[in-house]
Protein backbone atom coordinates (compact mmCIF):
# COMPACT_ATOMS: atom_id res chain seq x y z
CA MET A 1 10.58 -23.76 20.62
CA THR A 2 12.14 -22.13 17.51
CA PRO A 3 12.28 -23.70 14.03
CA PHE A 4 16.09 -23.04 13.66
CA ALA A 5 19.00 -23.19 16.16
CA ARG A 6 21.17 -20.11 16.62
CA THR A 7 24.09 -21.88 15.15
CA ASP A 8 22.11 -22.63 11.91
CA ARG A 9 23.90 -20.84 9.02
CA SER A 10 21.62 -21.94 6.30
CA ILE A 11 19.76 -19.35 4.35
CA LEU A 12 16.48 -20.02 6.29
CA GLY A 13 18.35 -20.18 9.67
CA ARG A 14 19.94 -16.89 9.09
CA TRP A 15 16.67 -15.32 7.89
CA TRP A 16 14.89 -16.56 11.06
CA TRP A 17 17.39 -15.10 13.50
CA THR A 18 17.77 -11.71 11.64
CA VAL A 19 14.21 -10.93 10.45
CA ASP A 20 12.09 -8.62 12.61
CA HIS A 21 9.62 -11.13 14.20
CA TRP A 22 7.34 -8.38 15.48
CA THR A 23 6.76 -6.85 11.98
CA LEU A 24 6.42 -10.37 10.47
CA ALA A 25 3.81 -11.27 13.04
CA ALA A 26 1.82 -8.03 12.57
CA LEU A 27 1.59 -8.65 8.91
CA LEU A 28 0.62 -12.30 9.31
CA ALA A 29 -2.01 -11.13 11.69
CA LEU A 30 -3.39 -8.62 9.19
CA LEU A 31 -3.42 -11.34 6.48
CA GLY A 32 -5.32 -13.53 8.67
CA ILE A 33 -7.79 -11.03 9.69
CA GLY A 34 -8.34 -10.01 6.10
CA VAL A 35 -9.26 -13.58 5.17
CA VAL A 36 -11.95 -13.64 7.98
CA LEU A 37 -13.44 -10.39 6.90
CA ILE A 38 -13.59 -11.19 3.27
CA VAL A 39 -15.43 -14.66 4.15
CA SER A 40 -17.77 -12.44 6.36
CA GLY A 41 -18.29 -9.36 4.07
CA SER A 42 -18.15 -10.54 0.47
CA PRO A 43 -20.93 -12.92 0.02
CA GLY A 44 -23.64 -9.91 -0.11
CA VAL A 45 -21.48 -8.00 -2.57
CA SER A 46 -21.32 -11.22 -4.71
CA ASN A 47 -25.03 -11.68 -4.72
CA THR A 48 -25.71 -8.05 -5.59
CA ILE A 49 -23.76 -8.34 -8.76
CA GLY A 50 -24.88 -11.83 -9.77
CA TYR A 51 -21.73 -13.98 -8.67
CA ASP A 52 -22.04 -17.10 -6.46
CA PRO A 53 -21.73 -16.03 -2.76
CA PHE A 54 -18.19 -17.27 -2.39
CA HIS A 55 -16.79 -15.85 -5.59
CA PHE A 56 -14.54 -13.20 -3.89
CA VAL A 57 -13.64 -15.59 -1.06
CA ARG A 58 -12.26 -18.23 -3.30
CA ARG A 59 -10.30 -15.73 -5.28
CA HIS A 60 -8.98 -14.11 -2.01
CA LEU A 61 -7.89 -17.49 -0.77
CA VAL A 62 -5.84 -17.89 -4.03
CA PHE A 63 -4.19 -14.50 -3.53
CA ALA A 64 -3.45 -14.64 0.11
CA PRO A 65 -1.09 -17.65 0.01
CA MET A 66 0.56 -16.10 -3.21
CA ALA A 67 1.05 -12.83 -1.12
CA LEU A 68 2.61 -14.68 1.72
CA LEU A 69 5.01 -16.65 -0.54
CA VAL A 70 6.02 -13.32 -2.28
CA LEU A 71 6.51 -11.71 1.19
CA LEU A 72 8.66 -14.45 2.59
CA SER A 73 10.68 -14.95 -0.63
CA ILE A 74 11.65 -11.21 -1.01
CA SER A 75 12.41 -10.91 2.65
CA LEU A 76 15.38 -13.42 2.20
CA LEU A 77 17.22 -10.72 -0.20
CA ARG A 78 20.02 -8.58 0.79
CA PRO A 79 19.94 -4.89 0.29
CA HIS A 80 22.05 -4.85 -3.03
CA GLN A 81 19.56 -7.58 -4.29
CA VAL A 82 16.56 -5.41 -3.09
CA ARG A 83 17.90 -2.64 -5.26
CA TRP A 84 18.30 -4.71 -8.47
CA ALA A 85 14.83 -6.51 -7.82
CA ALA A 86 13.22 -3.10 -7.44
CA LEU A 87 14.94 -1.70 -10.55
CA PHE A 88 13.80 -4.70 -12.67
CA LEU A 89 10.19 -4.34 -11.13
CA LEU A 90 10.18 -0.59 -12.04
CA ALA A 91 11.12 -1.16 -15.62
CA ALA A 92 8.63 -3.93 -16.02
CA THR A 93 5.95 -1.78 -14.43
CA PHE A 94 6.61 1.27 -16.73
CA LEU A 95 6.03 -1.22 -19.69
CA LEU A 96 2.77 -2.38 -18.31
CA LEU A 97 1.58 1.23 -17.59
CA VAL A 98 2.22 2.04 -21.26
CA ALA A 99 0.25 -1.11 -22.12
CA VAL A 100 -2.38 0.02 -19.88
CA LEU A 101 -2.86 3.23 -21.92
CA ALA A 102 -2.74 1.42 -25.23
CA ALA A 103 -4.93 -1.58 -24.49
CA GLY A 104 -6.00 -1.51 -20.88
CA THR A 105 -9.45 -2.43 -19.51
CA GLU A 106 -11.63 0.55 -18.59
CA VAL A 107 -13.72 0.33 -15.44
CA LYS A 108 -15.85 3.23 -14.25
CA GLY A 109 -14.25 5.58 -16.55
CA ALA A 110 -10.71 4.90 -15.59
CA ARG A 111 -8.27 2.64 -17.57
CA ARG A 112 -6.06 1.20 -14.91
CA TRP A 113 -5.82 -2.53 -15.57
CA VAL A 114 -4.24 -4.82 -18.14
CA SER A 115 -5.03 -8.44 -18.53
CA VAL A 116 -2.01 -10.79 -18.13
CA ALA A 117 -2.62 -14.45 -18.61
CA GLY A 118 -6.28 -14.14 -17.76
CA PHE A 119 -5.57 -12.01 -14.76
CA SER A 120 -6.54 -8.34 -14.46
CA LEU A 121 -3.38 -6.69 -13.20
CA GLN A 122 -3.09 -3.06 -11.87
CA PRO A 123 0.42 -2.01 -12.67
CA SER A 124 0.24 1.24 -10.71
CA GLU A 125 0.22 -0.64 -7.47
CA PHE A 126 3.64 -2.09 -8.19
CA ILE A 127 5.12 1.36 -8.81
CA LYS A 128 4.82 2.34 -5.27
CA PRO A 129 7.51 -0.20 -3.78
CA SER A 130 9.65 -0.08 -6.86
CA LEU A 131 9.97 3.64 -7.08
CA ALA A 132 10.52 4.00 -3.25
CA ILE A 133 13.59 1.62 -3.43
CA VAL A 134 15.06 3.13 -6.81
CA ALA A 135 14.56 6.66 -5.52
CA ALA A 136 16.36 5.75 -2.23
CA TRP A 137 19.25 4.23 -4.19
CA LEU A 138 19.59 7.30 -6.37
CA PHE A 139 19.32 9.80 -3.26
CA ALA A 140 22.05 7.67 -1.64
CA LEU A 141 24.24 7.79 -4.73
CA TYR A 142 23.73 11.66 -4.73
CA GLN A 143 24.58 12.05 -1.06
CA ARG A 144 27.81 10.05 -1.68
CA THR A 145 28.96 11.54 -4.88
CA HIS A 146 27.07 14.96 -5.03
CA ASP A 147 26.65 14.24 -8.69
CA TRP A 148 23.50 16.11 -9.69
CA ARG A 149 22.84 13.64 -12.65
CA TYR A 150 21.52 11.14 -9.99
CA LEU A 151 18.95 13.75 -8.77
CA VAL A 152 18.02 14.69 -12.29
CA VAL A 153 17.38 11.03 -13.05
CA ASN A 154 15.41 10.65 -9.75
CA ILE A 155 13.14 13.61 -10.68
CA GLY A 156 12.77 12.33 -14.21
CA LEU A 157 11.58 8.95 -12.82
CA LEU A 158 8.97 10.61 -10.57
CA GLY A 159 7.77 12.87 -13.56
CA LEU A 160 7.38 9.87 -15.78
CA THR A 161 5.41 8.02 -13.14
CA VAL A 162 3.22 10.94 -12.45
CA LEU A 163 2.46 11.25 -16.13
CA LEU A 164 1.54 7.57 -16.64
CA VAL A 165 -0.43 7.19 -13.52
CA ALA A 166 -2.28 10.56 -13.62
CA ILE A 167 -3.39 10.15 -17.18
CA GLN A 168 -5.22 6.72 -16.36
CA PRO A 169 -6.62 8.80 -14.36
CA ASP A 170 -5.78 7.78 -10.71
CA ILE A 171 -5.16 11.12 -8.76
CA GLY A 172 -5.32 9.28 -5.38
CA MET A 173 -2.40 7.04 -6.31
CA THR A 174 -0.46 9.92 -7.95
CA THR A 175 -0.83 11.74 -4.62
CA VAL A 176 0.55 8.97 -2.51
CA ILE A 177 3.50 8.47 -4.82
CA VAL A 178 4.40 12.10 -4.83
CA ALA A 179 4.00 12.34 -1.09
CA VAL A 180 6.36 9.44 -0.45
CA TRP A 181 8.99 10.68 -2.91
CA LEU A 182 8.96 14.15 -1.35
CA ALA A 183 9.37 12.62 2.15
CA GLN A 184 12.31 10.69 0.94
CA PHE A 185 13.66 13.95 -0.84
CA PHE A 186 13.54 15.51 2.71
CA LEU A 187 14.80 12.58 4.70
CA ALA A 188 17.71 12.34 2.17
CA GLY A 189 19.05 15.60 3.63
CA LEU A 190 18.34 17.73 0.54
CA PRO A 191 17.42 21.20 0.97
CA ILE A 192 14.17 22.20 2.79
CA ALA A 193 13.54 25.08 0.47
CA ALA A 194 13.82 22.59 -2.52
CA THR A 195 11.34 20.29 -0.69
CA ALA A 196 8.91 23.13 -0.21
CA GLY A 197 9.26 24.06 -3.81
CA LEU A 198 8.57 20.69 -5.04
CA GLY A 199 5.59 20.43 -2.45
CA SER A 200 4.00 23.59 -3.80
CA VAL A 201 4.13 22.18 -7.30
CA GLY A 202 2.38 19.13 -5.82
CA VAL A 203 -0.35 21.36 -4.30
CA ALA A 204 -0.67 23.16 -7.70
CA GLY A 205 -1.09 19.59 -9.37
CA MET A 206 -3.86 18.73 -6.84
CA THR A 207 -5.60 22.14 -7.63
CA PHE A 208 -5.46 21.46 -11.30
CA ALA A 209 -6.87 17.86 -10.74
CA TYR A 210 -9.82 19.41 -8.81
CA PHE A 211 -10.73 21.74 -11.76
CA THR A 212 -9.94 19.11 -14.56
CA PHE A 213 -11.25 15.79 -13.37
CA ASP A 214 -14.95 15.66 -12.55
CA HIS A 215 -14.74 12.67 -10.22
CA VAL A 216 -12.07 14.39 -7.98
CA LYS A 217 -14.10 17.57 -7.96
CA SER A 218 -17.39 15.49 -7.13
CA ARG A 219 -15.62 13.56 -4.29
CA ILE A 220 -14.27 16.78 -2.67
CA ASP A 221 -17.53 18.70 -3.07
CA ARG A 222 -19.67 15.88 -1.53
CA PHE A 223 -17.20 15.78 1.49
CA ILE A 224 -17.50 19.47 1.96
CA SER A 225 -21.19 19.69 1.20
CA PRO A 226 -22.96 16.24 1.51
CA GLU A 227 -25.97 17.62 -0.14
CA ALA A 228 -23.94 18.19 -3.37
CA GLY A 229 -24.25 14.59 -4.50
CA ASP A 230 -24.87 10.96 -3.65
CA THR A 231 -23.23 9.91 -0.38
CA TYR A 232 -24.87 6.42 -0.29
CA GLN A 233 -21.78 4.35 0.51
CA ILE A 234 -20.39 6.62 3.15
CA ASP A 235 -23.79 6.96 4.90
CA LYS A 236 -24.01 3.21 5.06
CA SER A 237 -20.37 2.92 6.29
CA ILE A 238 -21.03 5.31 9.19
CA ALA A 239 -24.19 3.35 9.88
CA ALA A 240 -22.32 0.12 10.04
CA PHE A 241 -19.97 1.53 12.64
CA GLN A 242 -22.83 2.78 14.67
CA SER A 243 -24.56 -0.65 14.56
CA GLY A 244 -21.55 -2.37 15.71
CA GLY A 245 -20.59 -0.32 18.73
CA TRP A 246 -17.61 -1.70 20.76
CA PHE A 247 -18.08 -5.41 20.33
CA GLY A 248 -20.05 -5.90 17.04
CA VAL A 249 -23.22 -7.82 16.19
CA GLY A 250 -21.20 -11.04 15.68
CA PRO A 251 -19.74 -12.62 12.68
CA GLY A 252 -22.18 -13.00 9.83
CA ASN A 253 -24.90 -11.04 11.57
CA GLY A 254 -24.32 -7.90 9.94
CA SER A 255 -26.92 -6.46 7.71
CA LEU A 256 -25.65 -3.04 6.46
CA LYS A 257 -22.48 -4.82 4.86
CA SER A 258 -24.75 -6.33 2.07
CA GLN A 259 -25.82 -2.75 1.20
CA LEU A 260 -22.21 -1.53 0.63
CA PRO A 261 -21.16 -2.25 -3.05
CA ASP A 262 -17.46 -2.20 -1.94
CA ALA A 263 -17.75 -3.82 1.49
CA HIS A 264 -15.11 -6.41 0.54
CA ALA A 265 -12.54 -3.72 -0.73
CA ASP A 266 -12.54 0.05 0.00
CA PHE A 267 -15.07 -0.34 2.90
CA VAL A 268 -13.89 -3.53 4.54
CA LEU A 269 -13.28 -1.54 7.76
CA ALA A 270 -17.17 -0.96 8.00
CA VAL A 271 -17.69 -4.78 8.01
CA ALA A 272 -15.13 -5.08 10.84
CA GLY A 273 -16.95 -2.31 12.60
CA GLU A 274 -20.33 -3.79 12.36
CA GLU A 275 -19.66 -7.48 12.88
CA PHE A 276 -16.51 -7.40 15.34
CA GLY A 277 -16.94 -3.87 16.69
CA ALA A 278 -14.46 -0.90 17.39
CA ILE A 279 -12.28 -3.58 19.25
CA LEU A 280 -11.14 -5.16 15.98
CA CYS A 281 -10.74 -1.70 14.35
CA LEU A 282 -8.44 -0.75 17.03
CA VAL A 283 -6.61 -4.03 16.72
CA LEU A 284 -6.15 -3.19 13.09
CA VAL A 285 -4.81 0.10 13.96
CA LEU A 286 -2.42 -1.36 16.36
CA LEU A 287 -0.99 -3.97 13.99
CA ILE A 288 -0.40 -1.20 11.37
CA ALA A 289 1.26 0.86 14.03
CA VAL A 290 3.57 -2.02 14.92
CA VAL A 291 4.67 -2.35 11.34
CA VAL A 292 5.37 1.37 11.12
CA PHE A 293 7.10 1.90 14.46
CA ARG A 294 9.29 -1.30 14.13
CA GLY A 295 10.38 0.20 10.79
CA LEU A 296 11.10 3.57 12.12
CA LEU A 297 13.28 1.97 14.87
CA ARG A 298 15.32 0.61 11.89
CA VAL A 299 15.41 3.88 10.14
CA ALA A 300 16.80 5.56 13.37
CA SER A 301 19.70 3.04 13.94
CA THR A 302 20.84 2.30 10.43
CA ARG A 303 24.25 3.58 9.13
CA SER A 304 23.20 3.12 5.50
CA PRO A 305 21.60 6.22 3.75
CA PHE A 306 19.95 3.88 1.13
CA VAL A 307 18.48 1.51 3.88
CA GLY A 308 17.13 4.39 5.87
CA VAL A 309 15.56 6.41 3.05
CA ALA A 310 14.20 3.16 1.33
CA THR A 311 12.76 1.98 4.51
CA ALA A 312 11.17 5.23 5.33
CA GLY A 313 9.55 5.42 1.88
CA LEU A 314 7.97 1.84 2.22
CA ILE A 315 6.70 2.72 5.76
CA ILE A 316 5.29 6.09 4.66
CA SER A 317 3.47 4.36 1.64
CA PHE A 318 2.09 1.58 3.75
CA ALA A 319 0.81 3.92 6.54
CA LEU A 320 -0.67 6.56 4.06
CA GLN A 321 -2.63 3.71 2.24
CA ALA A 322 -3.94 2.41 5.62
CA MET A 323 -4.75 5.92 6.70
CA ILE A 324 -6.50 6.83 3.52
CA ASN A 325 -8.65 3.70 3.59
CA MET A 326 -9.68 4.02 7.27
CA ALA A 327 -10.26 7.83 7.02
CA SER A 328 -12.37 7.34 3.98
CA ALA A 329 -14.63 4.83 5.58
CA LEU A 330 -15.03 7.10 8.63
CA GLU A 331 -15.69 10.22 6.42
CA LEU A 332 -12.74 11.97 7.79
CA ILE A 333 -11.45 12.72 4.14
CA PRO A 334 -13.15 12.74 0.75
CA ALA A 335 -13.78 9.09 -0.35
CA LYS A 336 -10.92 7.30 -2.15
CA GLY A 337 -10.79 3.95 -3.45
CA MET A 338 -7.83 2.52 -1.85
CA THR A 339 -7.35 -0.79 -0.18
CA LEU A 340 -6.60 -1.51 3.54
CA PRO A 341 -3.21 -3.40 3.26
CA PHE A 342 -3.44 -7.19 3.39
CA VAL A 343 -7.18 -6.79 4.72
CA SER A 344 -9.14 -5.83 1.71
CA TYR A 345 -9.91 -7.88 -1.38
CA GLY A 346 -7.74 -7.12 -4.39
CA GLY A 347 -5.24 -9.20 -6.05
CA SER A 348 -2.89 -6.62 -7.40
CA SER A 349 -3.06 -4.57 -4.30
CA MET A 350 -2.20 -7.60 -2.06
CA LEU A 351 0.65 -8.79 -4.18
CA ALA A 352 2.02 -5.28 -4.43
CA ILE A 353 1.96 -4.88 -0.56
CA ALA A 354 3.44 -8.24 -0.34
CA VAL A 355 6.39 -7.04 -2.46
CA SER A 356 6.54 -3.75 -0.46
CA MET A 357 6.60 -5.60 2.98
CA GLY A 358 9.00 -8.25 1.66
CA PHE A 359 11.39 -5.36 0.78
CA LEU A 360 10.80 -3.83 4.28
CA LEU A 361 11.51 -7.17 6.12
CA ALA A 362 14.74 -7.52 3.93
CA LEU A 363 16.04 -4.13 4.65
CA THR A 364 15.22 -4.34 8.46
CA ARG A 365 16.88 -7.54 8.98
CA ARG A 366 19.82 -7.43 11.58
CA ARG A 367 23.05 -8.10 10.06
CA VAL A 368 25.63 -8.03 12.83
CA GLY A 369 27.38 -11.33 12.87
CA TYR A 370 25.69 -12.61 9.74
CA GLU A 371 26.56 -9.95 6.98
CA PRO A 372 27.99 -6.39 6.76
CA GLU A 373 25.59 -3.40 6.83
CA ASP A 374 25.11 -1.90 3.28
CA THR A 375 26.42 1.51 3.53
CA ILE A 376 25.38 2.69 0.00
C-alpha cells in the first residue's frame, strides 16, 4: 500500500512519486539508529559531567523530529527554489559567523558557537550545504555564459568562508569545505591545471595550519607517534571495538562507553561497535553508501549542470563527514571532532545535515511527467 495514488497531483502526491525512496529510507534508518545509540551511549557521559542520565537523550529527541521536519520540508522544493533558499541561508550564515567572532561562546579554546534564543548554534555547519549549492549555481552560470565574473565571485565566497571558519579556529571544517569546492570546480569542467593549482594552495594552507595551530600539530603528532601525547580517547575507542567483536555485548551492557568523554558525539561509532558489534557498524556504512551511490546515479543521468554539480557537492560533503568520523574512531586518521551524520548527538550538526539532505532529495527527484528538468 502506498499513501498516494499515482494520479494524485497534490504537492505531497507529486513528492511521493518523484522522491528517491531508497535515499529517503536510508536517511530515516540513520536517524532511527542514532536515537538508539544516543539512548544507549549518552547516560554515562551525562553522569560524568554532572547532568542527569537522560539529559542528552531528551535533547536529541527534540532535535531528531526537528531534523526530520526540515528534511521533508526542503525536499519539496524545486531546483530554482533550492538555489534561492541556499543563497538566503548562506547570507544568514555569514552574518552569524561574524557574530561568532564578535560575541561567540568559547569552548576548549575555539569560538564556534553563538547563542540564539537560548540555543547554542554552530553556524559553520550550515555553510557546507549552502555554499555547495551557491557554488554550483555560479559554476553553472559560468559554464553557460563564460563570464569570468561568476568564477571570481565564486572564489571570493570560498575565500571569505575559509577566513571566517579558519579564524575560529576550525581547521577540519575548513578542510572539508575546501575539498568539496575543489571537487565541484573539477566536476564543472574547469581546467585540471587550475584545479591542481588551487589544490596546492590548499595543501600549503594545511601545512601552515600544522605549524600555526597547536591543536592541529598535537593531533597529527599523536597520530604519527602515539607516545607524543595523550591518546586516552582513541585507546578506549579501539578497546570498545575489540570488546564488541562481531555481535556486540548487548544494548546497555557496554562498559567502555562510559569512559569515553565524547561517546555520544564524535565516538558514537565506538558505542555501536561495543554494544551491537561490527554488524551494526557495517550496516551504518551500507546506509551511507546507499545515500552516496543513489546520488551519484542522479549526477550521471542529469542534463542540468547545476543539479549535477550541486548534488555532487552535497554527496561529497556527506561522505567526507562520515568517513572522517569513522576513520577517527578507528585511528585511521588523526582524531577530528566531526559528527557521524544523523547518528551522533549535536543539534546544529543534525539540523545542518537535514538541510543538506533535504536539498539532495529535492534535486534528485524525478521530474519526467511532473515538471521540467532545470537546465541552469
